[in-house]
Amino acid sequence: MSLPTRDLEPRKTPCQARSVFTVNAVFEATIQVLLSDGLPRLTTTRVADRAGVSTGALYGTRAKPL
């Protein structure tokens, strides 16, 4: 089964250094969780823990809905 591919755009581009760091940490953590635990175990809590941020910080980094 293949997943549909779509180009995703962030809701907003971070300007402050700490925001850029957070976005990069979340993206990297998402990849790490996917590789280590698989898609069925990908959760916001796991990603936030791996990235070292709160789960609330993830809501500003979501892609725009299509």
PDB file of N, CA and C in Angstrom:
ATOM      1  N   MET A   1       0.843  -1.176   0.000  1.00  0.00           N
ATOM      2  CA  MET A   1       0.000   0.000   0.000  1.00  0.00           C
ATOM      3  C   MET A   1       0.888   1.238   0.000  1.00  0.00           C
ATOM      4  N   SER A   2       0.680   2.100  -0.937  1.00  0.00           N
ATOM      5  CA  SER A   2       1.469   3.328  -0.962  1.00  0.00           C
ATOM      6  C   SER A   2       0.598   4.501  -0.525  1.00  0.00           C
ATOM      7  N   LEU A   3       1.233   5.423   0.154  1.00  0.00           N
ATOM      8  CA  LEU A   3       0.521   6.608   0.633  1.00  0.00           C
ATOM      9  C   LEU A   3       0.503   7.662  -0.459  1.00  0.00           C
ATOM     10  N   PRO A   4      -0.560   8.444  -0.539  1.00  0.00           N
ATOM     11  CA  PRO A   4      -0.585   9.521  -1.539  1.00  0.00           C
ATOM     12  C   PRO A   4       0.490  10.547  -1.218  1.00  0.00           C
ATOM     13  N   THR A   5       1.108  11.061  -2.239  1.00  0.00           N
ATOM     14  CA  THR A   5       2.127  12.082  -2.041  1.00  0.00           C
ATOM     15  C   THR A   5       1.551  13.438  -2.387  1.00  0.00           C
ATOM     16  N   ARG A   6       1.821  14.410  -1.532  1.00  0.00           N
ATOM     17  CA  ARG A   6       1.367  15.786  -1.744  1.00  0.00           C
ATOM     18  C   ARG A   6       2.474  16.718  -1.280  1.00  0.00           C
ATOM     19  N   ASP A   7       2.582  17.825  -1.918  1.00  0.00           N
ATOM     20  CA  ASP A   7       3.494  18.846  -1.441  1.00  0.00           C
ATOM     21  C   ASP A   7       2.831  19.555  -0.271  1.00  0.00           C
ATOM     22  N   LEU A   8       3.521  19.616   0.853  1.00  0.00           N
ATOM     23  CA  LEU A   8       2.983  20.271   2.032  1.00  0.00           C
ATOM     24  C   LEU A   8       3.693  21.596   2.247  1.00  0.00           C
ATOM     25  N   GLU A   9       2.953  22.569   2.662  1.00  0.00           N
ATOM     26  CA  GLU A   9       3.516  23.875   2.968  1.00  0.00           C
ATOM     27  C   GLU A   9       3.239  24.190   4.429  1.00  0.00           C
ATOM     28  N   PRO A  10       4.224  24.738   5.134  1.00  0.00           N
ATOM     29  CA  PRO A  10       3.971  25.095   6.527  1.00  0.00           C
ATOM     30  C   PRO A  10       2.936  26.211   6.611  1.00  0.00           C
ATOM     31  N   ARG A  11       2.223  26.262   7.737  1.00  0.00           N
ATOM     32  CA  ARG A  11       1.251  27.329   7.950  1.00  0.00           C
ATOM     33  C   ARG A  11       1.920  28.695   7.917  1.00  0.00           C
ATOM     34  N   LYS A  12       3.099  28.753   8.479  1.00  0.00           N
ATOM     35  CA  LYS A  12       3.868  29.999   8.484  1.00  0.00           C
ATOM     36  C   LYS A  12       5.343  29.635   8.552  1.00  0.00           C
ATOM     37  N   THR A  13       6.185  30.516   8.062  1.00  0.00           N
ATOM     38  CA  THR A  13       7.618  30.299   8.110  1.00  0.00           C
ATOM     39  C   THR A  13       8.169  30.939   9.371  1.00  0.00           C
ATOM     40  N   PRO A  14       8.892  30.167  10.180  1.00  0.00           N
ATOM     41  CA  PRO A  14       9.411  30.737  11.420  1.00  0.00           C
ATOM     42  C   PRO A  14      10.488  31.790  11.142  1.00  0.00           C
ATOM     43  N   CYS A  15      10.478  32.846  11.935  1.00  0.00           N
ATOM     44  CA  CYS A  15      11.452  33.925  11.771  1.00  0.00           C
ATOM     45  C   CYS A  15      12.481  33.935  12.902  1.00  0.00           C
ATOM     46  N   GLN A  16      12.017  33.696  14.108  1.00  0.00           N
ATOM     47  CA  GLN A  16      12.927  33.739  15.251  1.00  0.00           C
ATOM     48  C   GLN A  16      13.758  32.463  15.313  1.00  0.00           C
ATOM     49  N   ALA A  17      14.979  32.593  15.793  1.00  0.00           N
ATOM     50  CA  ALA A  17      15.900  31.459  15.847  1.00  0.00           C
ATOM     51  C   ALA A  17      15.325  30.305  16.656  1.00  0.00           C
ATOM     52  N   ARG A  18      14.653  30.603  17.769  1.00  0.00           N
ATOM     53  CA  ARG A  18      14.115  29.507  18.580  1.00  0.00           C
ATOM     54  C   ARG A  18      12.980  28.792  17.858  1.00  0.00           C
ATOM     55  N   SER A  19      12.220  29.523  17.051  1.00  0.00           N
ATOM     56  CA  SER A  19      11.142  28.903  16.275  1.00  0.00           C
ATOM     57  C   SER A  19      11.703  28.007  15.179  1.00  0.00           C
ATOM     58  N   VAL A  20      12.749  28.473  14.517  1.00  0.00           N
ATOM     59  CA  VAL A  20      13.410  27.665  13.490  1.00  0.00           C
ATOM     60  C   VAL A  20      13.950  26.386  14.124  1.00  0.00           C
ATOM     61  N   PHE A  21      14.566  26.505  15.293  1.00  0.00           N
ATOM     62  CA  PHE A  21      15.095  25.347  16.007  1.00  0.00           C
ATOM     63  C   PHE A  21      13.969  24.360  16.341  1.00  0.00           C
ATOM     64  N   THR A  22      12.840  24.871  16.830  1.00  0.00           N
ATOM     65  CA  THR A  22      11.714  24.010  17.200  1.00  0.00           C
ATOM     66  C   THR A  22      11.167  23.268  15.989  1.00  0.00           C
ATOM     67  N   VAL A  23      10.960  23.970  14.893  1.00  0.00           N
ATOM     68  CA  VAL A  23      10.433  23.340  13.679  1.00  0.00           C
ATOM     69  C   VAL A  23      11.384  22.246  13.196  1.00  0.00           C
ATOM     70  N   ASN A  24      12.665  22.540  13.162  1.00  0.00           N
ATOM     71  CA  ASN A  24      13.644  21.551  12.717  1.00  0.00           C
ATOM     72  C   ASN A  24      13.684  20.355  13.663  1.00  0.00           C
ATOM     73  N   ALA A  25      13.597  20.610  14.963  1.00  0.00           N
ATOM     74  CA  ALA A  25      13.604  19.523  15.946  1.00  0.00           C
ATOM     75  C   ALA A  25      12.376  18.631  15.771  1.00  0.00           C
ATOM     76  N   VAL A  26      11.223  19.225  15.515  1.00  0.00           N
ATOM     77  CA  VAL A  26       9.989  18.454  15.327  1.00  0.00           C
ATOM     78  C   VAL A  26      10.077  17.615  14.055  1.00  0.00           C
ATOM     79  N   PHE A  27      10.547  18.184  12.963  1.00  0.00           N
ATOM     80  CA  PHE A  27      10.678  17.421  11.722  1.00  0.00           C
ATOM     81  C   PHE A  27      11.649  16.257  11.900  1.00  0.00           C
ATOM     82  N   GLU A  28      12.787  16.525  12.514  1.00  0.00           N
ATOM     83  CA  GLU A  28      13.790  15.477  12.742  1.00  0.00           C
ATOM     84  C   GLU A  28      13.233  14.392  13.662  1.00  0.00           C
ATOM     85  N   ALA A  29      12.548  14.795  14.716  1.00  0.00           N
ATOM     86  CA  ALA A  29      11.973  13.829  15.650  1.00  0.00           C
ATOM     87  C   ALA A  29      10.911  12.976  14.961  1.00  0.00           C
ATOM     88  N   THR A  30      10.126  13.578  14.087  1.00  0.00           N
ATOM     89  CA  THR A  30       9.102  12.826  13.361  1.00  0.00           C
ATOM     90  C   THR A  30       9.744  11.727  12.525  1.00  0.00           C
ATOM     91  N   ILE A  31      10.791  12.059  11.825  1.00  0.00           N
ATOM     92  CA  ILE A  31      11.504  11.067  11.013  1.00  0.00           C
ATOM     93  C   ILE A  31      12.078   9.970  11.904  1.00  0.00           C
ATOM     94  N   GLN A  32      12.684  10.356  13.025  1.00  0.00           N
ATOM     95  CA  GLN A  32      13.267   9.371  13.931  1.00  0.00           C
ATOM     96  C   GLN A  32      12.217   8.421  14.494  1.00  0.00           C
ATOM     97  N   VAL A  33      11.066   8.958  14.894  1.00  0.00           N
ATOM     98  CA  VAL A  33      10.003   8.103  15.439  1.00  0.00           C
ATOM     99  C   VAL A  33       9.475   7.165  14.347  1.00  0.00           C
ATOM    100  N   LEU A  34       9.291   7.670  13.153  1.00  0.00           N
ATOM    101  CA  LEU A  34       8.826   6.822  12.060  1.00  0.00           C
ATOM    102  C   LEU A  34       9.797   5.678  11.801  1.00  0.00           C
ATOM    103  N   LEU A  35      11.085   5.985  11.776  1.00  0.00           N
ATOM    104  CA  LEU A  35      12.083   4.959  11.488  1.00  0.00           C
ATOM    105  C   LEU A  35      12.232   3.952  12.627  1.00  0.00           C
ATOM    106  N   SER A  36      12.141   4.418  13.850  1.00  0.00           N
ATOM    107  CA  SER A  36      12.374   3.517  14.985  1.00  0.00           C
ATOM    108  C   SER A  36      11.113   2.777  15.421  1.00  0.00           C
ATOM    109  N   ASP A  37       9.955   3.425  15.357  1.00  0.00           N
ATOM    110  CA  ASP A  37       8.729   2.834  15.898  1.00  0.00           C
ATOM    111  C   ASP A  37       7.693   2.474  14.831  1.00  0.00           C
ATOM    112  N   GLY A  38       7.804   3.054  13.653  1.00  0.00           N
ATOM    113  CA  GLY A  38       6.858   2.781  12.582  1.00  0.00           C
ATOM    114  C   GLY A  38       5.657   3.710  12.628  1.00  0.00           C
ATOM    115  N   LEU A  39       4.943   3.757  11.522  1.00  0.00           N
ATOM    116  CA  LEU A  39       3.786   4.643  11.383  1.00  0.00           C
ATOM    117  C   LEU A  39       2.683   4.383  12.408  1.00  0.00           C
ATOM    118  N   PRO A  40       2.369   3.130  12.730  1.00  0.00           N
ATOM    119  CA  PRO A  40       1.285   2.902  13.695  1.00  0.00           C
ATOM    120  C   PRO A  40       1.554   3.501  15.085  1.00  0.00           C
ATOM    121  N   ARG A  41       2.819   3.704  15.429  1.00  0.00           N
ATOM    122  CA  ARG A  41       3.159   4.229  16.756  1.00  0.00           C
ATOM    123  C   ARG A  41       3.569   5.706  16.710  1.00  0.00           C
ATOM    124  N   LEU A  42       3.360   6.355  15.585  1.00  0.00           N
ATOM    125  CA  LEU A  42       3.666   7.780  15.456  1.00  0.00           C
ATOM    126  C   LEU A  42       2.567   8.586  16.144  1.00  0.00           C
ATOM    127  N   THR A  43       2.909   9.245  17.238  1.00  0.00           N
ATOM    128  CA  THR A  43       1.952  10.075  17.967  1.00  0.00           C
ATOM    129  C   THR A  43       2.582  11.423  18.269  1.00  0.00           C
ATOM    130  N   THR A  44       1.739  12.400  18.559  1.00  0.00           N
ATOM    131  CA  THR A  44       2.267  13.716  18.920  1.00  0.00           C
ATOM    132  C   THR A  44       3.089  13.636  20.200  1.00  0.00           C
ATOM    133  N   THR A  45       2.683  12.791  21.120  1.00  0.00           N
ATOM    134  CA  THR A  45       3.420  12.661  22.379  1.00  0.00           C
ATOM    135  C   THR A  45       4.819  12.109  22.129  1.00  0.00           C
ATOM    136  N   ARG A  46       4.930  11.075  21.301  1.00  0.00           N
ATOM    137  CA  ARG A  46       6.251  10.502  21.001  1.00  0.00           C
ATOM    138  C   ARG A  46       7.139  11.522  20.291  1.00  0.00           C
ATOM    139  N   VAL A  47       6.574  12.228  19.322  1.00  0.00           N
ATOM    140  CA  VAL A  47       7.362  13.220  18.581  1.00  0.00           C
ATOM    141  C   VAL A  47       7.812  14.340  19.514  1.00  0.00           C
ATOM    142  N   ALA A  48       6.906  14.841  20.329  1.00  0.00           N
ATOM    143  CA  ALA A  48       7.249  15.923  21.248  1.00  0.00           C
ATOM    144  C   ALA A  48       8.326  15.486  22.233  1.00  0.00           C
ATOM    145  N   ASP A  49       8.194  14.278  22.782  1.00  0.00           N
ATOM    146  CA  ASP A  49       9.210  13.774  23.705  1.00  0.00           C
ATOM    147  C   ASP A  49      10.570  13.682  23.019  1.00  0.00           C
ATOM    148  N   ARG A  50      10.584  13.140  21.807  1.00  0.00           N
ATOM    149  CA  ARG A  50      11.849  12.988  21.075  1.00  0.00           C
ATOM    150  C   ARG A  50      12.446  14.346  20.722  1.00  0.00           C
ATOM    151  N   ALA A  51      11.594  15.321  20.392  1.00  0.00           N
ATOM    152  CA  ALA A  51      12.073  16.655  20.004  1.00  0.00           C
ATOM    153  C   ALA A  51      12.437  17.511  21.214  1.00  0.00           C
ATOM    154  N   GLY A  52      11.946  17.111  22.400  1.00  0.00           N
ATOM    155  CA  GLY A  52      12.224  17.910  23.593  1.00  0.00           C
ATOM    156  C   GLY A  52      11.355  19.152  23.685  1.00  0.00           C
ATOM    157  N   VAL A  53      10.149  19.060  23.149  1.00  0.00           N
ATOM    158  CA  VAL A  53       9.214  20.187  23.198  1.00  0.00           C
ATOM    159  C   VAL A  53       7.885  19.698  23.781  1.00  0.00           C
ATOM    160  N   SER A  54       7.007  20.636  24.117  1.00  0.00           N
ATOM    161  CA  SER A  54       5.679  20.257  24.598  1.00  0.00           C
ATOM    162  C   SER A  54       4.817  19.831  23.417  1.00  0.00           C
ATOM    163  N   THR A  55       3.771  19.059  23.697  1.00  0.00           N
ATOM    164  CA  THR A  55       2.875  18.669  22.608  1.00  0.00           C
ATOM    165  C   THR A  55       2.182  19.894  22.011  1.00  0.00           C
ATOM    166  N   GLY A  56       1.955  20.925  22.809  1.00  0.00           N
ATOM    167  CA  GLY A  56       1.353  22.154  22.297  1.00  0.00           C
ATOM    168  C   GLY A  56       2.208  22.843  21.256  1.00  0.00           C
ATOM    169  N   ALA A  57       3.525  22.668  21.349  1.00  0.00           N
ATOM    170  CA  ALA A  57       4.425  23.293  20.373  1.00  0.00           C
ATOM    171  C   ALA A  57       4.240  22.692  18.985  1.00  0.00           C
ATOM    172  N   LEU A  58       3.715  21.485  18.913  1.00  0.00           N
ATOM    173  CA  LEU A  58       3.532  20.836  17.616  1.00  0.00           C
ATOM    174  C   LEU A  58       2.425  21.487  16.793  1.00  0.00           C
ATOM    175  N   TYR A  59       1.468  22.095  17.433  1.00  0.00           N
ATOM    176  CA  TYR A  59       0.314  22.613  16.706  1.00  0.00           C
ATOM    177  C   TYR A  59       0.654  23.813  15.824  1.00  0.00           C
ATOM    178  N   GLY A  60       1.722  24.509  16.099  1.00  0.00           N
ATOM    179  CA  GLY A  60       2.136  25.622  15.252  1.00  0.00           C
ATOM    180  C   GLY A  60       2.978  25.186  14.073  1.00  0.00           C
ATOM    181  N   THR A  61       3.344  23.900  14.008  1.00  0.00           N
ATOM    182  CA  THR A  61       4.232  23.421  12.954  1.00  0.00           C
ATOM    183  C   THR A  61       3.525  22.542  11.923  1.00  0.00           C
ATOM    184  N   ARG A  62       2.212  22.401  12.035  1.00  0.00           N
ATOM    185  CA  ARG A  62       1.475  21.557  11.099  1.00  0.00           C
ATOM    186  C   ARG A  62       1.425  22.193   9.719  1.00  0.00           C
ATOM    187  N   ALA A  63       1.292  21.352   8.731  1.00  0.00           N
ATOM    188  CA  ALA A  63       1.129  21.841   7.353  1.00  0.00           C
ATOM    189  C   ALA A  63      -0.303  22.347   7.164  1.00  0.00           C
ATOM    190  N   LYS A  64      -0.493  23.208   6.184  1.00  0.00           N
ATOM    191  CA  LYS A  64      -1.826  23.695   5.844  1.00  0.00           C
ATOM    192  C   LYS A  64      -2.654  22.541   5.298  1.00  0.00           C
ATOM    193  N   PRO A  65      -3.909  22.452   5.672  1.00  0.00           N
ATOM    194  CA  PRO A  65      -4.757  21.423   5.061  1.00  0.00           C
ATOM    195  C   PRO A  65      -4.994  21.733   3.596  1.00  0.00           C
ATOM    196  N   LEU A  66      -5.100  20.687   2.806  1.00  0.00           N
ATOM    197  CA  LEU A  66      -5.306  20.904   1.361  1.00  0.00           C
ATOM    198  C   LEU A  66      -6.762  21.009   1.025  1.00  0.00           C
TER     199      LEU A  66
END
